[in-house]
Amino acid sequence: MKISKAFALLTDLRLAIQAAFFPTTRDIISTPSMLLSPSAVSQRFMAYVWDAFAGGTDQAARVVKDGLIPPYARGVVLDIGAGHGHTINYLDRTKVTKYVALEPNARMHNEIRKRAKAAGFSEEDASLLILSHGAQDTARICDSLGDTQVVDTIVSVLTICSIPSPKRTLKDLVENVLKPGGTLLFYEHVQNPKPDVAWWQWFWTPLWKTAFDGCRLDRPTHLWIDAMQVWETQELWGKEGEDPESLFWHRAGRYVKARE
């Protein structure tokens, strides 16, 4: 792997610092107790980063998302790590009856509501539900869903990189929240199959996860999902034209849970 590619993510880090350092520092000065929780500082920093770059990140993935979400998302859709709710822009309102946005960072909820309203989803008619739970809180998610306690579709976009205990969380979500015959749709940056690139992902991950709310570069998320023995349909593909030596190497997938 070329050294220039191995260090390319420092440009992303610099841009993130430019966008988020001063507003995060302002918040710390306003609330010094934040310093007692490094994770809270990282979460606040990431929120400001997302304010600046969420739109561009969504645009860069538009082609993949267009082929992934509109054709297959249906019924009650659970969007884990919803961020600013960009998934809403890809939902077919004639197929989706309810959008459930799982987003622990409450600073992002207003953006979700704005996009949901524009797309015809609202909390007033129960077609929109915003939850502050983490993806690992499957019992609370099920309770919040009401009578059914299950969903037809789970969508994960650039989320599994940062959730705690990802293999166990994925297992719990698929087994307990996704209904039989339901669909898991994901678009994630994952561990690169090239050993030298994967080494650099491992090398940078401690720095990256500290800055960006737990985001890891080196998780083989697609392999974990593919290995689960619950699927009747398994489709996995990449991002067309992506640099094979990218530290942010993506995979998308459509996986249908077996019917009981």
C-alpha atoms as a PDB file:
ATOM      1  CA  MET A   1       0.000   0.000   0.000  1.00  0.00           C
ATOM      2  CA  LYS A   2       1.304   3.436  -0.875  1.00  0.00           C
ATOM      3  CA  ILE A   3       2.256   5.542   2.131  1.00  0.00           C
ATOM      4  CA  SER A   4       0.328   8.456   0.664  1.00  0.00           C
ATOM      5  CA  LYS A   5      -2.868   6.389   0.808  1.00  0.00           C
ATOM      6  CA  ALA A   6      -2.095   5.148   4.303  1.00  0.00           C
ATOM      7  CA  PHE A   7      -1.905   8.726   5.592  1.00  0.00           C
ATOM      8  CA  ALA A   8      -4.705  10.153   3.445  1.00  0.00           C
ATOM      9  CA  LEU A   9      -7.218   9.994   6.273  1.00  0.00           C
ATOM     10  CA  LEU A  10      -5.266  12.693   8.098  1.00  0.00           C
ATOM     11  CA  THR A  11      -6.780  15.120   5.618  1.00  0.00           C
ATOM     12  CA  ASP A  12     -10.237  14.002   6.717  1.00  0.00           C
ATOM     13  CA  LEU A  13      -9.198  14.394  10.338  1.00  0.00           C
ATOM     14  CA  ARG A  14      -7.889  17.916   9.679  1.00  0.00           C
ATOM     15  CA  LEU A  15     -11.138  18.954   8.002  1.00  0.00           C
ATOM     16  CA  ALA A  16     -13.143  17.484  10.868  1.00  0.00           C
ATOM     17  CA  ILE A  17     -11.079  19.396  13.412  1.00  0.00           C
ATOM     18  CA  GLN A  18     -11.537  22.611  11.451  1.00  0.00           C
ATOM     19  CA  ALA A  19     -15.298  22.106  11.482  1.00  0.00           C
ATOM     20  CA  ALA A  20     -15.825  20.829  15.013  1.00  0.00           C
ATOM     21  CA  PHE A  21     -12.971  21.846  17.322  1.00  0.00           C
ATOM     22  CA  PHE A  22     -14.119  25.369  18.162  1.00  0.00           C
ATOM     23  CA  PRO A  23     -17.837  24.634  18.695  1.00  0.00           C
ATOM     24  CA  THR A  24     -16.903  21.609  20.821  1.00  0.00           C
ATOM     25  CA  THR A  25     -14.474  23.739  22.847  1.00  0.00           C
ATOM     26  CA  ARG A  26     -17.181  26.370  23.301  1.00  0.00           C
ATOM     27  CA  ASP A  27     -19.530  23.712  24.680  1.00  0.00           C
ATOM     28  CA  ILE A  28     -16.853  22.432  27.063  1.00  0.00           C
ATOM     29  CA  ILE A  29     -16.256  25.955  28.361  1.00  0.00           C
ATOM     30  CA  SER A  30     -19.997  26.337  28.843  1.00  0.00           C
ATOM     31  CA  THR A  31     -20.282  22.929  30.535  1.00  0.00           C
ATOM     32  CA  PRO A  32     -16.897  21.961  32.045  1.00  0.00           C
ATOM     33  CA  SER A  33     -18.350  18.754  33.507  1.00  0.00           C
ATOM     34  CA  MET A  34     -18.246  17.329  29.956  1.00  0.00           C
ATOM     35  CA  LEU A  35     -14.538  16.744  30.537  1.00  0.00           C
ATOM     36  CA  LEU A  36     -15.453  14.064  33.069  1.00  0.00           C
ATOM     37  CA  SER A  37     -16.859  11.995  30.196  1.00  0.00           C
ATOM     38  CA  PRO A  38     -14.495  11.663  27.207  1.00  0.00           C
ATOM     39  CA  SER A  39     -17.217   9.760  25.358  1.00  0.00           C
ATOM     40  CA  ALA A  40     -19.556  12.738  25.730  1.00  0.00           C
ATOM     41  CA  VAL A  41     -16.905  15.038  24.299  1.00  0.00           C
ATOM     42  CA  SER A  42     -16.358  12.663  21.383  1.00  0.00           C
ATOM     43  CA  GLN A  43     -20.099  12.438  20.768  1.00  0.00           C
ATOM     44  CA  ARG A  44     -20.415  16.226  20.748  1.00  0.00           C
ATOM     45  CA  PHE A  45     -17.427  16.557  18.407  1.00  0.00           C
ATOM     46  CA  MET A  46     -18.970  13.961  16.072  1.00  0.00           C
ATOM     47  CA  ALA A  47     -22.284  15.818  16.066  1.00  0.00           C
ATOM     48  CA  TYR A  48     -20.575  18.971  14.794  1.00  0.00           C
ATOM     49  CA  VAL A  49     -18.623  16.948  12.236  1.00  0.00           C
ATOM     50  CA  TRP A  50     -21.884  15.465  10.989  1.00  0.00           C
ATOM     51  CA  ASP A  51     -23.449  18.928  10.773  1.00  0.00           C
ATOM     52  CA  ALA A  52     -20.690  19.837   8.325  1.00  0.00           C
ATOM     53  CA  PHE A  53     -20.259  16.633   6.335  1.00  0.00           C
ATOM     54  CA  ALA A  54     -23.446  14.550   6.499  1.00  0.00           C
ATOM     55  CA  GLY A  55     -24.762  15.934   3.231  1.00  0.00           C
ATOM     56  CA  GLY A  56     -21.571  15.242   1.332  1.00  0.00           C
ATOM     57  CA  THR A  57     -21.268  11.763   2.806  1.00  0.00           C
ATOM     58  CA  ASP A  58     -24.819  10.986   1.745  1.00  0.00           C
ATOM     59  CA  GLN A  59     -24.186  12.314  -1.763  1.00  0.00           C
ATOM     60  CA  ALA A  60     -21.068  10.169  -2.137  1.00  0.00           C
ATOM     61  CA  ALA A  61     -23.147   7.066  -1.406  1.00  0.00           C
ATOM     62  CA  ARG A  62     -26.235   8.039  -3.397  1.00  0.00           C
ATOM     63  CA  VAL A  63     -25.787   5.524  -6.208  1.00  0.00           C
ATOM     64  CA  VAL A  64     -25.376   2.629  -3.786  1.00  0.00           C
ATOM     65  CA  LYS A  65     -28.286   3.752  -1.615  1.00  0.00           C
ATOM     66  CA  ASP A  66     -30.556   4.181  -4.635  1.00  0.00           C
ATOM     67  CA  GLY A  67     -30.010   0.531  -5.483  1.00  0.00           C
ATOM     68  CA  LEU A  68     -30.281  -0.646  -1.894  1.00  0.00           C
ATOM     69  CA  ILE A  69     -33.047   1.173  -0.041  1.00  0.00           C
ATOM     70  CA  PRO A  70     -35.947   2.202  -2.330  1.00  0.00           C
ATOM     71  CA  PRO A  71     -36.482  -1.233  -3.916  1.00  0.00           C
ATOM     72  CA  TYR A  72     -36.388  -3.238  -0.680  1.00  0.00           C
ATOM     73  CA  ALA A  73     -37.351  -1.107   2.345  1.00  0.00           C
ATOM     74  CA  ARG A  74     -40.978  -1.736   3.271  1.00  0.00           C
ATOM     75  CA  GLY A  75     -43.436  -1.794   6.150  1.00  0.00           C
ATOM     76  CA  VAL A  76     -42.027  -0.653   9.476  1.00  0.00           C
ATOM     77  CA  VAL A  77     -38.435   0.461   8.890  1.00  0.00           C
ATOM     78  CA  LEU A  78     -35.913   0.701  11.727  1.00  0.00           C
ATOM     79  CA  ASP A  79     -32.962   2.917  10.848  1.00  0.00           C
ATOM     80  CA  ILE A  80     -30.174   2.236  13.354  1.00  0.00           C
ATOM     81  CA  GLY A  81     -27.813   5.158  13.832  1.00  0.00           C
ATOM     82  CA  ALA A  82     -30.128   7.428  11.856  1.00  0.00           C
ATOM     83  CA  GLY A  83     -27.908  10.510  12.134  1.00  0.00           C
ATOM     84  CA  HIS A  84     -29.710  13.367  10.356  1.00  0.00           C
ATOM     85  CA  GLY A  85     -32.232  10.995   8.843  1.00  0.00           C
ATOM     86  CA  HIS A  86     -30.866  10.913   5.300  1.00  0.00           C
ATOM     87  CA  THR A  87     -32.319   7.420   4.882  1.00  0.00           C
ATOM     88  CA  ILE A  88     -35.739   9.077   4.744  1.00  0.00           C
ATOM     89  CA  ASN A  89     -34.833  10.572   1.359  1.00  0.00           C
ATOM     90  CA  TYR A  90     -34.633   7.051  -0.105  1.00  0.00           C
ATOM     91  CA  LEU A  91     -37.820   5.574   1.322  1.00  0.00           C
ATOM     92  CA  ASP A  92     -40.788   4.879  -0.937  1.00  0.00           C
ATOM     93  CA  ARG A  93     -43.699   6.283   1.078  1.00  0.00           C
ATOM     94  CA  THR A  94     -46.110   3.948  -0.727  1.00  0.00           C
ATOM     95  CA  LYS A  95     -44.212   0.933   0.654  1.00  0.00           C
ATOM     96  CA  VAL A  96     -43.116   2.218   4.076  1.00  0.00           C
ATOM     97  CA  THR A  97     -45.799   2.582   6.742  1.00  0.00           C
ATOM     98  CA  LYS A  98     -43.600   3.752   9.603  1.00  0.00           C
ATOM     99  CA  TYR A  99     -40.079   5.110   9.983  1.00  0.00           C
ATOM    100  CA  VAL A 100     -38.338   4.396  13.294  1.00  0.00           C
ATOM    101  CA  ALA A 101     -35.163   6.442  13.730  1.00  0.00           C
ATOM    102  CA  LEU A 102     -32.745   5.083  16.293  1.00  0.00           C
ATOM    103  CA  GLU A 103     -30.329   7.880  17.179  1.00  0.00           C
ATOM    104  CA  PRO A 104     -28.680   8.152  20.613  1.00  0.00           C
ATOM    105  CA  ASN A 105     -27.364  11.653  19.858  1.00  0.00           C
ATOM    106  CA  ALA A 106     -30.353  13.874  20.655  1.00  0.00           C
ATOM    107  CA  ARG A 107     -28.732  16.855  18.916  1.00  0.00           C
ATOM    108  CA  MET A 108     -29.592  15.187  15.612  1.00  0.00           C
ATOM    109  CA  HIS A 109     -33.290  14.648  16.276  1.00  0.00           C
ATOM    110  CA  ASN A 110     -34.470  17.987  14.889  1.00  0.00           C
ATOM    111  CA  GLU A 111     -32.853  17.241  11.540  1.00  0.00           C
ATOM    112  CA  ILE A 112     -34.619  13.863  11.497  1.00  0.00           C
ATOM    113  CA  ARG A 113     -37.967  15.554  12.150  1.00  0.00           C
ATOM    114  CA  LYS A 114     -37.410  18.067   9.341  1.00  0.00           C
ATOM    115  CA  ARG A 115     -36.655  15.382   6.776  1.00  0.00           C
ATOM    116  CA  ALA A 116     -39.444  13.158   8.015  1.00  0.00           C
ATOM    117  CA  LYS A 117     -42.007  15.950   7.746  1.00  0.00           C
ATOM    118  CA  ALA A 118     -40.919  16.745   4.194  1.00  0.00           C
ATOM    119  CA  ALA A 119     -41.352  13.075   3.270  1.00  0.00           C
ATOM    120  CA  GLY A 120     -44.785  12.703   4.884  1.00  0.00           C
ATOM    121  CA  PHE A 121     -43.836  11.010   8.160  1.00  0.00           C
ATOM    122  CA  SER A 122     -44.949  12.519  11.472  1.00  0.00           C
ATOM    123  CA  GLU A 123     -45.088  11.658  15.142  1.00  0.00           C
ATOM    124  CA  GLU A 124     -48.687  12.885  15.263  1.00  0.00           C
ATOM    125  CA  ASP A 125     -49.994  10.083  13.050  1.00  0.00           C
ATOM    126  CA  ALA A 126     -47.492   7.545  14.467  1.00  0.00           C
ATOM    127  CA  SER A 127     -45.724   7.102  11.116  1.00  0.00           C
ATOM    128  CA  LEU A 128     -42.554   8.499  12.737  1.00  0.00           C
ATOM    129  CA  LEU A 129     -40.881   7.314  15.925  1.00  0.00           C
ATOM    130  CA  ILE A 130     -37.560   8.722  17.142  1.00  0.00           C
ATOM    131  CA  LEU A 131     -35.718   6.728  19.805  1.00  0.00           C
ATOM    132  CA  SER A 132     -32.644   7.739  21.770  1.00  0.00           C
ATOM    133  CA  HIS A 133     -31.700   4.127  22.518  1.00  0.00           C
ATOM    134  CA  GLY A 134     -28.470   2.557  21.347  1.00  0.00           C
ATOM    135  CA  ALA A 135     -28.641  -0.291  18.838  1.00  0.00           C
ATOM    136  CA  GLN A 136     -27.580  -2.670  21.610  1.00  0.00           C
ATOM    137  CA  ASP A 137     -30.717  -1.818  23.658  1.00  0.00           C
ATOM    138  CA  THR A 138     -32.879  -4.345  21.847  1.00  0.00           C
ATOM    139  CA  ALA A 139     -35.305  -4.911  24.736  1.00  0.00           C
ATOM    140  CA  ARG A 140     -36.057  -1.187  24.966  1.00  0.00           C
ATOM    141  CA  ILE A 141     -36.390  -0.959  21.181  1.00  0.00           C
ATOM    142  CA  CYS A 142     -38.946  -3.770  21.149  1.00  0.00           C
ATOM    143  CA  ASP A 143     -40.883  -2.197  24.004  1.00  0.00           C
ATOM    144  CA  SER A 144     -40.950   1.150  22.194  1.00  0.00           C
ATOM    145  CA  LEU A 145     -42.358  -0.462  19.050  1.00  0.00           C
ATOM    146  CA  GLY A 146     -45.603  -1.260  20.826  1.00  0.00           C
ATOM    147  CA  ASP A 147     -47.791  -4.268  20.133  1.00  0.00           C
ATOM    148  CA  THR A 148     -45.816  -5.802  17.260  1.00  0.00           C
ATOM    149  CA  GLN A 149     -42.348  -5.374  18.850  1.00  0.00           C
ATOM    150  CA  VAL A 150     -40.793  -6.286  15.487  1.00  0.00           C
ATOM    151  CA  VAL A 151     -40.011  -4.500  12.224  1.00  0.00           C
ATOM    152  CA  ASP A 152     -40.137  -5.439   8.551  1.00  0.00           C
ATOM    153  CA  THR A 153     -36.849  -3.787   7.586  1.00  0.00           C
ATOM    154  CA  ILE A 154     -33.674  -2.822   9.386  1.00  0.00           C
ATOM    155  CA  VAL A 155     -31.448  -0.252   7.670  1.00  0.00           C
ATOM    156  CA  SER A 156     -27.862   0.372   8.775  1.00  0.00           C
ATOM    157  CA  VAL A 157     -25.823   3.050   7.023  1.00  0.00           C
ATOM    158  CA  LEU A 158     -22.306   3.698   8.341  1.00  0.00           C
ATOM    159  CA  THR A 159     -23.389   2.701  11.838  1.00  0.00           C
ATOM    160  CA  ILE A 160     -22.106  -0.739  12.800  1.00  0.00           C
ATOM    161  CA  CYS A 161     -18.557   0.661  12.793  1.00  0.00           C
ATOM    162  CA  SER A 162     -19.307   2.402  16.080  1.00  0.00           C
ATOM    163  CA  ILE A 163     -21.872   0.364  18.019  1.00  0.00           C
ATOM    164  CA  PRO A 164     -20.720  -1.509  21.145  1.00  0.00           C
ATOM    165  CA  SER A 165     -20.379  -5.305  21.025  1.00  0.00           C
ATOM    166  CA  PRO A 166     -21.285  -5.364  17.326  1.00  0.00           C
ATOM    167  CA  LYS A 167     -21.538  -9.125  16.779  1.00  0.00           C
ATOM    168  CA  ARG A 168     -23.841  -9.601  19.755  1.00  0.00           C
ATOM    169  CA  THR A 169     -25.846  -6.484  18.861  1.00  0.00           C
ATOM    170  CA  LEU A 170     -26.349  -7.663  15.289  1.00  0.00           C
ATOM    171  CA  LYS A 171     -27.443 -11.081  16.525  1.00  0.00           C
ATOM    172  CA  ASP A 172     -29.942  -9.564  18.958  1.00  0.00           C
ATOM    173  CA  LEU A 173     -31.350  -7.143  16.385  1.00  0.00           C
ATOM    174  CA  VAL A 174     -31.839  -9.837  13.766  1.00  0.00           C
ATOM    175  CA  GLU A 175     -33.202 -12.461  16.148  1.00  0.00           C
ATOM    176  CA  ASN A 176     -35.423 -10.253  18.302  1.00  0.00           C
ATOM    177  CA  VAL A 177     -36.334  -7.107  16.347  1.00  0.00           C
ATOM    178  CA  LEU A 178     -36.448  -8.230  12.699  1.00  0.00           C
ATOM    179  CA  LYS A 179     -39.534 -10.288  11.893  1.00  0.00           C
ATOM    180  CA  PRO A 180     -39.300 -13.603   9.986  1.00  0.00           C
ATOM    181  CA  GLY A 181     -39.180 -12.761   6.302  1.00  0.00           C
ATOM    182  CA  GLY A 182     -37.895  -9.285   7.147  1.00  0.00           C
ATOM    183  CA  THR A 183     -34.949  -7.645   5.430  1.00  0.00           C
ATOM    184  CA  LEU A 184     -31.635  -6.263   6.692  1.00  0.00           C
ATOM    185  CA  LEU A 185     -30.172  -3.602   4.396  1.00  0.00           C
ATOM    186  CA  PHE A 186     -26.725  -2.233   5.105  1.00  0.00           C
ATOM    187  CA  TYR A 187     -24.052   0.032   3.650  1.00  0.00           C
ATOM    188  CA  GLU A 188     -20.922   0.069   5.815  1.00  0.00           C
ATOM    189  CA  HIS A 189     -17.234   0.793   5.630  1.00  0.00           C
ATOM    190  CA  VAL A 190     -15.520  -2.438   6.607  1.00  0.00           C
ATOM    191  CA  GLN A 191     -12.184  -4.168   6.975  1.00  0.00           C
ATOM    192  CA  ASN A 192     -10.310  -4.169   3.669  1.00  0.00           C
ATOM    193  CA  PRO A 193      -9.478  -7.686   2.360  1.00  0.00           C
ATOM    194  CA  LYS A 194      -5.926  -6.612   1.504  1.00  0.00           C
ATOM    195  CA  PRO A 195      -3.752  -7.465   4.550  1.00  0.00           C
ATOM    196  CA  ASP A 196      -1.525  -4.395   4.259  1.00  0.00           C
ATOM    197  CA  VAL A 197      -4.508  -2.043   4.018  1.00  0.00           C
ATOM    198  CA  ALA A 198      -6.208  -3.832   6.912  1.00  0.00           C
ATOM    199  CA  TRP A 199      -3.059  -3.293   8.980  1.00  0.00           C
ATOM    200  CA  TRP A 200      -3.258   0.451   8.431  1.00  0.00           C
ATOM    201  CA  GLN A 201      -6.951   0.392   9.341  1.00  0.00           C
ATOM    202  CA  TRP A 202      -5.988  -1.321  12.583  1.00  0.00           C
ATOM    203  CA  PHE A 203      -3.175   1.191  13.140  1.00  0.00           C
ATOM    204  CA  TRP A 204      -5.394   4.268  12.785  1.00  0.00           C
ATOM    205  CA  THR A 205      -8.452   2.923  14.596  1.00  0.00           C
ATOM    206  CA  PRO A 206      -7.441   3.994  18.166  1.00  0.00           C
ATOM    207  CA  LEU A 207      -7.103   7.611  17.015  1.00  0.00           C
ATOM    208  CA  TRP A 208     -10.153   7.496  14.788  1.00  0.00           C
ATOM    209  CA  LYS A 209     -12.525   5.978  17.336  1.00  0.00           C
ATOM    210  CA  THR A 210     -11.426   8.497  19.987  1.00  0.00           C
ATOM    211  CA  ALA A 211     -12.264  11.428  17.732  1.00  0.00           C
ATOM    212  CA  PHE A 212     -15.373  10.052  16.053  1.00  0.00           C
ATOM    213  CA  ASP A 213     -17.604   8.613  18.751  1.00  0.00           C
ATOM    214  CA  GLY A 214     -16.263   5.061  18.665  1.00  0.00           C
ATOM    215  CA  CYS A 215     -16.032   4.634  14.876  1.00  0.00           C
ATOM    216  CA  ARG A 216     -13.672   1.770  13.984  1.00  0.00           C
ATOM    217  CA  LEU A 217     -12.053   1.328  10.577  1.00  0.00           C
ATOM    218  CA  ASP A 218     -11.242  -2.360  10.956  1.00  0.00           C
ATOM    219  CA  ARG A 219     -14.526  -4.213  11.540  1.00  0.00           C
ATOM    220  CA  PRO A 220     -15.361  -7.037   9.081  1.00  0.00           C
ATOM    221  CA  THR A 221     -19.045  -6.265   9.483  1.00  0.00           C
ATOM    222  CA  HIS A 222     -20.078  -7.800   6.168  1.00  0.00           C
ATOM    223  CA  LEU A 223     -18.457 -11.114   7.116  1.00  0.00           C
ATOM    224  CA  TRP A 224     -20.205 -11.208  10.480  1.00  0.00           C
ATOM    225  CA  ILE A 225     -23.573 -10.658   8.831  1.00  0.00           C
ATOM    226  CA  ASP A 226     -22.904 -13.132   6.049  1.00  0.00           C
ATOM    227  CA  ALA A 227     -21.974 -15.846   8.560  1.00  0.00           C
ATOM    228  CA  MET A 228     -25.241 -15.640  10.488  1.00  0.00           C
ATOM    229  CA  GLN A 229     -27.258 -18.814   9.991  1.00  0.00           C
ATOM    230  CA  VAL A 230     -30.643 -17.126   9.687  1.00  0.00           C
ATOM    231  CA  TRP A 231     -30.873 -15.998   6.061  1.00  0.00           C
ATOM    232  CA  GLU A 232     -32.945 -17.289   3.171  1.00  0.00           C
ATOM    233  CA  THR A 233     -31.505 -14.643   0.813  1.00  0.00           C
ATOM    234  CA  GLN A 234     -27.970 -13.207   0.904  1.00  0.00           C
ATOM    235  CA  GLU A 235     -26.748 -10.519  -1.486  1.00  0.00           C
ATOM    236  CA  LEU A 236     -23.484  -8.652  -0.979  1.00  0.00           C
ATOM    237  CA  TRP A 237     -21.837  -6.117  -3.271  1.00  0.00           C
ATOM    238  CA  GLY A 238     -19.357  -3.266  -3.301  1.00  0.00           C
ATOM    239  CA  LYS A 239     -19.196   0.381  -4.306  1.00  0.00           C
ATOM    240  CA  GLU A 240     -18.500   0.732  -7.998  1.00  0.00           C
ATOM    241  CA  GLY A 241     -15.219   2.459  -8.803  1.00  0.00           C
ATOM    242  CA  GLU A 242     -13.958   2.404  -5.229  1.00  0.00           C
ATOM    243  CA  ASP A 243     -10.186   2.352  -4.707  1.00  0.00           C
ATOM    244  CA  PRO A 244      -9.326  -1.243  -3.712  1.00  0.00           C
ATOM    245  CA  GLU A 245      -6.725   0.130  -1.302  1.00  0.00           C
ATOM    246  CA  SER A 246      -9.093   2.527   0.428  1.00  0.00           C
ATOM    247  CA  LEU A 247      -9.011   2.711   4.208  1.00  0.00           C
ATOM    248  CA  PHE A 248     -12.752   3.318   3.919  1.00  0.00           C
ATOM    249  CA  TRP A 249     -13.689   0.218   1.932  1.00  0.00           C
ATOM    250  CA  HIS A 250     -17.442  -0.265   1.626  1.00  0.00           C
ATOM    251  CA  ARG A 251     -19.829  -3.159   1.298  1.00  0.00           C
ATOM    252  CA  ALA A 252     -23.584  -3.132   0.832  1.00  0.00           C
ATOM    253  CA  GLY A 253     -25.957  -5.994   1.414  1.00  0.00           C
ATOM    254  CA  ARG A 254     -29.539  -7.218   1.282  1.00  0.00           C
ATOM    255  CA  TYR A 255     -30.250 -10.123   3.618  1.00  0.00           C
ATOM    256  CA  VAL A 256     -33.700 -11.650   4.102  1.00  0.00           C
ATOM    257  CA  LYS A 257     -34.410 -13.514   7.329  1.00  0.00           C
ATOM    258  CA  ALA A 258     -35.783 -17.019   6.927  1.00  0.00           C
ATOM    259  CA  ARG A 259     -39.490 -17.452   7.567  1.00  0.00           C
ATOM    260  CA  GLU A 260     -40.399 -19.654  10.472  1.00  0.00           C
END
